[in-house]
């Protein structure tokens, strides 16, 4: 069940990277020295920060399946490799090129940002603990501590 939820989160993360991060990047670059405190600047910065926050949470929370970041990461790295091998083909497969989403994605792809982010997203693949559920031995130790009365409540006495 954890991995099924990871697949759903992977789709949500991919959508956030494509729509929020790409849109935010295009509109942040389009400010051309205008203030970040303008409404447009704050919206763009918020979109980028939101996508980054989602990515950071999925990368760092050990209870989340590694599939949540690995699947979109593999797609981003593969797309970057395709760009290096066959540039025209990689650029042709970008959806919504006429919209700011597609333009931002193309810019992030051609500058290598998506490739670097994709490599960082693949790292949980190599952490064995991310593939297992909650450790049953740790849960048994906690139950013994509670039964023996040695468990700490975390409150200061």
C-alpha atoms as a PDB file:
ATOM      1  CA  UNK A   1       0.000   0.000   0.000  1.00  0.00           C
ATOM      2  CA  UNK A   2       2.908   2.331   0.799  1.00  0.00           C
ATOM      3  CA  UNK A   3       4.340   1.927  -2.689  1.00  0.00           C
ATOM      4  CA  UNK A   4       0.955   2.461  -4.338  1.00  0.00           C
ATOM      5  CA  UNK A   5       0.697   5.752  -2.463  1.00  0.00           C
ATOM      6  CA  UNK A   6       4.259   6.462  -3.622  1.00  0.00           C
ATOM      7  CA  UNK A   7       3.169   6.111  -7.245  1.00  0.00           C
ATOM      8  CA  UNK A   8       0.300   8.551  -6.672  1.00  0.00           C
ATOM      9  CA  UNK A   9       2.710  10.999  -5.019  1.00  0.00           C
ATOM     10  CA  UNK A  10       5.101  10.565  -7.959  1.00  0.00           C
ATOM     11  CA  UNK A  11       2.385  11.692 -10.373  1.00  0.00           C
ATOM     12  CA  UNK A  12       1.576  14.679  -8.136  1.00  0.00           C
ATOM     13  CA  UNK A  13       5.261  15.610  -7.887  1.00  0.00           C
ATOM     14  CA  UNK A  14       5.706  15.368 -11.650  1.00  0.00           C
ATOM     15  CA  UNK A  15       2.694  17.640 -12.149  1.00  0.00           C
ATOM     16  CA  UNK A  16       4.025  20.108  -9.572  1.00  0.00           C
ATOM     17  CA  UNK A  17       7.419  20.198 -11.270  1.00  0.00           C
ATOM     18  CA  UNK A  18       5.923  20.658 -14.713  1.00  0.00           C
ATOM     19  CA  UNK A  19       3.213  23.167 -13.904  1.00  0.00           C
ATOM     20  CA  UNK A  20       4.290  25.064 -10.780  1.00  0.00           C
ATOM     21  CA  UNK A  21       8.074  25.071 -11.163  1.00  0.00           C
ATOM     22  CA  UNK A  22       8.037  25.746 -14.911  1.00  0.00           C
ATOM     23  CA  UNK A  23       5.433  28.491 -14.644  1.00  0.00           C
ATOM     24  CA  UNK A  24       7.193  30.045 -11.660  1.00  0.00           C
ATOM     25  CA  UNK A  25      10.549  30.021 -13.423  1.00  0.00           C
ATOM     26  CA  UNK A  26       9.204  31.715 -16.555  1.00  0.00           C
ATOM     27  CA  UNK A  27       7.434  34.426 -14.603  1.00  0.00           C
ATOM     28  CA  UNK A  28      10.370  34.975 -12.263  1.00  0.00           C
ATOM     29  CA  UNK A  29      12.730  35.452 -15.203  1.00  0.00           C
ATOM     30  CA  UNK A  30      10.180  37.697 -16.931  1.00  0.00           C
ATOM     31  CA  UNK A  31      10.359  40.222 -14.082  1.00  0.00           C
ATOM     32  CA  UNK A  32      13.553  41.698 -15.635  1.00  0.00           C
ATOM     33  CA  UNK A  33      14.683  43.487 -12.505  1.00  0.00           C
ATOM     34  CA  UNK A  34      11.208  44.296 -11.237  1.00  0.00           C
ATOM     35  CA  UNK A  35      10.624  43.849  -7.559  1.00  0.00           C
ATOM     36  CA  UNK A  36      10.091  40.384  -6.165  1.00  0.00           C
ATOM     37  CA  UNK A  37       7.588  41.926  -3.770  1.00  0.00           C
ATOM     38  CA  UNK A  38       5.200  42.662  -6.614  1.00  0.00           C
ATOM     39  CA  UNK A  39       2.193  40.388  -6.899  1.00  0.00           C
ATOM     40  CA  UNK A  40       3.602  38.637  -9.969  1.00  0.00           C
ATOM     41  CA  UNK A  41       6.980  38.145  -8.312  1.00  0.00           C
ATOM     42  CA  UNK A  42       5.475  36.695  -5.163  1.00  0.00           C
ATOM     43  CA  UNK A  43       3.259  34.339  -7.169  1.00  0.00           C
ATOM     44  CA  UNK A  44       6.237  33.077  -9.168  1.00  0.00           C
ATOM     45  CA  UNK A  45       8.387  32.693  -6.076  1.00  0.00           C
ATOM     46  CA  UNK A  46       5.536  30.914  -4.272  1.00  0.00           C
ATOM     47  CA  UNK A  47       5.076  28.458  -7.132  1.00  0.00           C
ATOM     48  CA  UNK A  48       8.784  27.616  -7.158  1.00  0.00           C
ATOM     49  CA  UNK A  49       8.915  27.370  -3.372  1.00  0.00           C
ATOM     50  CA  UNK A  50       5.821  25.160  -3.263  1.00  0.00           C
ATOM     51  CA  UNK A  51       7.232  22.711  -5.791  1.00  0.00           C
ATOM     52  CA  UNK A  52      10.570  22.722  -3.971  1.00  0.00           C
ATOM     53  CA  UNK A  53       8.872  22.186  -0.611  1.00  0.00           C
ATOM     54  CA  UNK A  54       6.908  19.211  -1.926  1.00  0.00           C
ATOM     55  CA  UNK A  55      10.092  17.735  -3.392  1.00  0.00           C
ATOM     56  CA  UNK A  56      11.980  18.300  -0.147  1.00  0.00           C
ATOM     57  CA  UNK A  57       9.290  16.664   1.952  1.00  0.00           C
ATOM     58  CA  UNK A  58       9.083  13.621  -0.319  1.00  0.00           C
ATOM     59  CA  UNK A  59      12.880  13.294  -0.314  1.00  0.00           C
ATOM     60  CA  UNK A  60      13.339  13.587   3.431  1.00  0.00           C
ATOM     61  CA  UNK A  61      10.388  11.803   5.064  1.00  0.00           C
ATOM     62  CA  UNK A  62      11.427   8.167   5.535  1.00  0.00           C
ATOM     63  CA  UNK A  63       7.833   6.894   5.742  1.00  0.00           C
ATOM     64  CA  UNK A  64       7.205   7.930   2.121  1.00  0.00           C
ATOM     65  CA  UNK A  65       8.013   5.264  -0.446  1.00  0.00           C
ATOM     66  CA  UNK A  66      11.104   5.904  -2.531  1.00  0.00           C
ATOM     67  CA  UNK A  67       8.925   5.590  -5.645  1.00  0.00           C
ATOM     68  CA  UNK A  68       7.503   9.063  -4.976  1.00  0.00           C
ATOM     69  CA  UNK A  69      10.741  10.738  -6.040  1.00  0.00           C
ATOM     70  CA  UNK A  70      12.506   7.999  -7.997  1.00  0.00           C
ATOM     71  CA  UNK A  71       9.918   7.658 -10.773  1.00  0.00           C
ATOM     72  CA  UNK A  72       9.822  11.364 -11.772  1.00  0.00           C
ATOM     73  CA  UNK A  73      13.590  11.530 -11.243  1.00  0.00           C
ATOM     74  CA  UNK A  74      14.192   8.745 -13.745  1.00  0.00           C
ATOM     75  CA  UNK A  75      11.957  10.519 -16.254  1.00  0.00           C
ATOM     76  CA  UNK A  76      13.869  13.794 -15.830  1.00  0.00           C
ATOM     77  CA  UNK A  77      17.271  12.125 -16.183  1.00  0.00           C
ATOM     78  CA  UNK A  78      16.105  10.111 -19.203  1.00  0.00           C
ATOM     79  CA  UNK A  79      14.712  13.264 -20.823  1.00  0.00           C
ATOM     80  CA  UNK A  80      18.037  15.037 -20.224  1.00  0.00           C
ATOM     81  CA  UNK A  81      19.941  12.124 -21.763  1.00  0.00           C
ATOM     82  CA  UNK A  82      17.562  12.173 -24.729  1.00  0.00           C
ATOM     83  CA  UNK A  83      18.262  15.891 -25.072  1.00  0.00           C
ATOM     84  CA  UNK A  84      21.995  15.161 -25.247  1.00  0.00           C
ATOM     85  CA  UNK A  85      21.548  12.366 -27.781  1.00  0.00           C
ATOM     86  CA  UNK A  86      18.669  13.675 -29.917  1.00  0.00           C
ATOM     87  CA  UNK A  87      17.885  17.260 -29.119  1.00  0.00           C
ATOM     88  CA  UNK A  88      15.097  17.683 -31.655  1.00  0.00           C
ATOM     89  CA  UNK A  89      13.239  14.596 -30.410  1.00  0.00           C
ATOM     90  CA  UNK A  90      13.518  15.606 -26.746  1.00  0.00           C
ATOM     91  CA  UNK A  91      12.202  19.092 -27.435  1.00  0.00           C
ATOM     92  CA  UNK A  92       9.389  17.779 -29.624  1.00  0.00           C
ATOM     93  CA  UNK A  93       7.942  15.713 -26.744  1.00  0.00           C
ATOM     94  CA  UNK A  94       7.542  18.700 -24.406  1.00  0.00           C
ATOM     95  CA  UNK A  95       3.799  19.259 -23.956  1.00  0.00           C
ATOM     96  CA  UNK A  96       2.124  22.666 -24.053  1.00  0.00           C
ATOM     97  CA  UNK A  97       5.047  24.488 -25.685  1.00  0.00           C
ATOM     98  CA  UNK A  98       2.867  27.470 -26.471  1.00  0.00           C
ATOM     99  CA  UNK A  99       2.066  28.006 -22.788  1.00  0.00           C
ATOM    100  CA  UNK A 100       4.412  29.286 -20.117  1.00  0.00           C
ATOM    101  CA  UNK A 101       4.506  25.777 -18.610  1.00  0.00           C
ATOM    102  CA  UNK A 102       6.083  24.297 -21.707  1.00  0.00           C
ATOM    103  CA  UNK A 103       8.438  27.222 -22.222  1.00  0.00           C
ATOM    104  CA  UNK A 104       9.669  27.027 -18.650  1.00  0.00           C
ATOM    105  CA  UNK A 105      10.106  23.266 -18.834  1.00  0.00           C
ATOM    106  CA  UNK A 106      12.093  23.618 -22.055  1.00  0.00           C
ATOM    107  CA  UNK A 107      14.348  26.250 -20.515  1.00  0.00           C
ATOM    108  CA  UNK A 108      14.909  24.211 -17.362  1.00  0.00           C
ATOM    109  CA  UNK A 109      15.620  21.146 -19.499  1.00  0.00           C
ATOM    110  CA  UNK A 110      18.067  22.802 -21.885  1.00  0.00           C
ATOM    111  CA  UNK A 111      19.989  24.503 -19.080  1.00  0.00           C
ATOM    112  CA  UNK A 112      20.464  21.176 -17.269  1.00  0.00           C
ATOM    113  CA  UNK A 113      18.525  22.114 -14.147  1.00  0.00           C
ATOM    114  CA  UNK A 114      16.033  19.271 -14.589  1.00  0.00           C
ATOM    115  CA  UNK A 115      18.860  16.782 -15.071  1.00  0.00           C
ATOM    116  CA  UNK A 116      20.498  17.833 -11.796  1.00  0.00           C
ATOM    117  CA  UNK A 117      17.186  17.766  -9.939  1.00  0.00           C
ATOM    118  CA  UNK A 118      16.459  14.347 -11.433  1.00  0.00           C
ATOM    119  CA  UNK A 119      19.756  12.942 -10.175  1.00  0.00           C
ATOM    120  CA  UNK A 120      18.998  14.245  -6.675  1.00  0.00           C
ATOM    121  CA  UNK A 121      15.556  12.657  -6.852  1.00  0.00           C
ATOM    122  CA  UNK A 122      17.038   9.234  -7.631  1.00  0.00           C
ATOM    123  CA  UNK A 123      19.177   9.117  -4.463  1.00  0.00           C
ATOM    124  CA  UNK A 124      16.443   7.482  -2.294  1.00  0.00           C
ATOM    125  CA  UNK A 125      16.623   4.517  -4.669  1.00  0.00           C
ATOM    126  CA  UNK A 126      19.929   3.558  -3.024  1.00  0.00           C
ATOM    127  CA  UNK A 127      18.729   3.866   0.586  1.00  0.00           C
ATOM    128  CA  UNK A 128      17.479   0.406   1.606  1.00  0.00           C
ATOM    129  CA  UNK A 129      15.484   1.708   4.584  1.00  0.00           C
ATOM    130  CA  UNK A 130      13.215   3.689   2.227  1.00  0.00           C
ATOM    131  CA  UNK A 131      11.971   0.447   0.635  1.00  0.00           C
ATOM    132  CA  UNK A 132      10.911  -1.200   3.897  1.00  0.00           C
ATOM    133  CA  UNK A 133       7.906  -0.400   5.998  1.00  0.00           C
ATOM    134  CA  UNK A 134       8.121   0.486   9.680  1.00  0.00           C
ATOM    135  CA  UNK A 135      10.729  -1.617  11.464  1.00  0.00           C
ATOM    136  CA  UNK A 136       8.921  -4.205  13.585  1.00  0.00           C
ATOM    137  CA  UNK A 137      11.862  -4.620  15.997  1.00  0.00           C
ATOM    138  CA  UNK A 138      11.797  -0.895  16.833  1.00  0.00           C
ATOM    139  CA  UNK A 139       8.050  -1.053  17.411  1.00  0.00           C
ATOM    140  CA  UNK A 140       8.469  -4.057  19.744  1.00  0.00           C
ATOM    141  CA  UNK A 141      11.150  -2.198  21.756  1.00  0.00           C
ATOM    142  CA  UNK A 142       8.821   0.773  22.144  1.00  0.00           C
ATOM    143  CA  UNK A 143       6.005  -1.507  23.342  1.00  0.00           C
ATOM    144  CA  UNK A 144       8.318  -3.106  25.933  1.00  0.00           C
ATOM    145  CA  UNK A 145       9.365   0.347  27.185  1.00  0.00           C
ATOM    146  CA  UNK A 146       5.740   1.374  27.587  1.00  0.00           C
ATOM    147  CA  UNK A 147       4.848  -1.821  29.432  1.00  0.00           C
ATOM    148  CA  UNK A 148       7.838  -1.561  31.778  1.00  0.00           C
ATOM    149  CA  UNK A 149       7.148   2.099  32.514  1.00  0.00           C
ATOM    150  CA  UNK A 150      10.519   3.344  31.238  1.00  0.00           C
ATOM    151  CA  UNK A 151       9.114   5.145  28.221  1.00  0.00           C
ATOM    152  CA  UNK A 152       9.739   8.871  28.112  1.00  0.00           C
ATOM    153  CA  UNK A 153       6.838  11.089  27.314  1.00  0.00           C
ATOM    154  CA  UNK A 154       8.904  13.921  25.945  1.00  0.00           C
ATOM    155  CA  UNK A 155       7.493  16.321  28.529  1.00  0.00           C
ATOM    156  CA  UNK A 156       9.673  18.114  31.007  1.00  0.00           C
ATOM    157  CA  UNK A 157       8.906  17.218  34.618  1.00  0.00           C
END
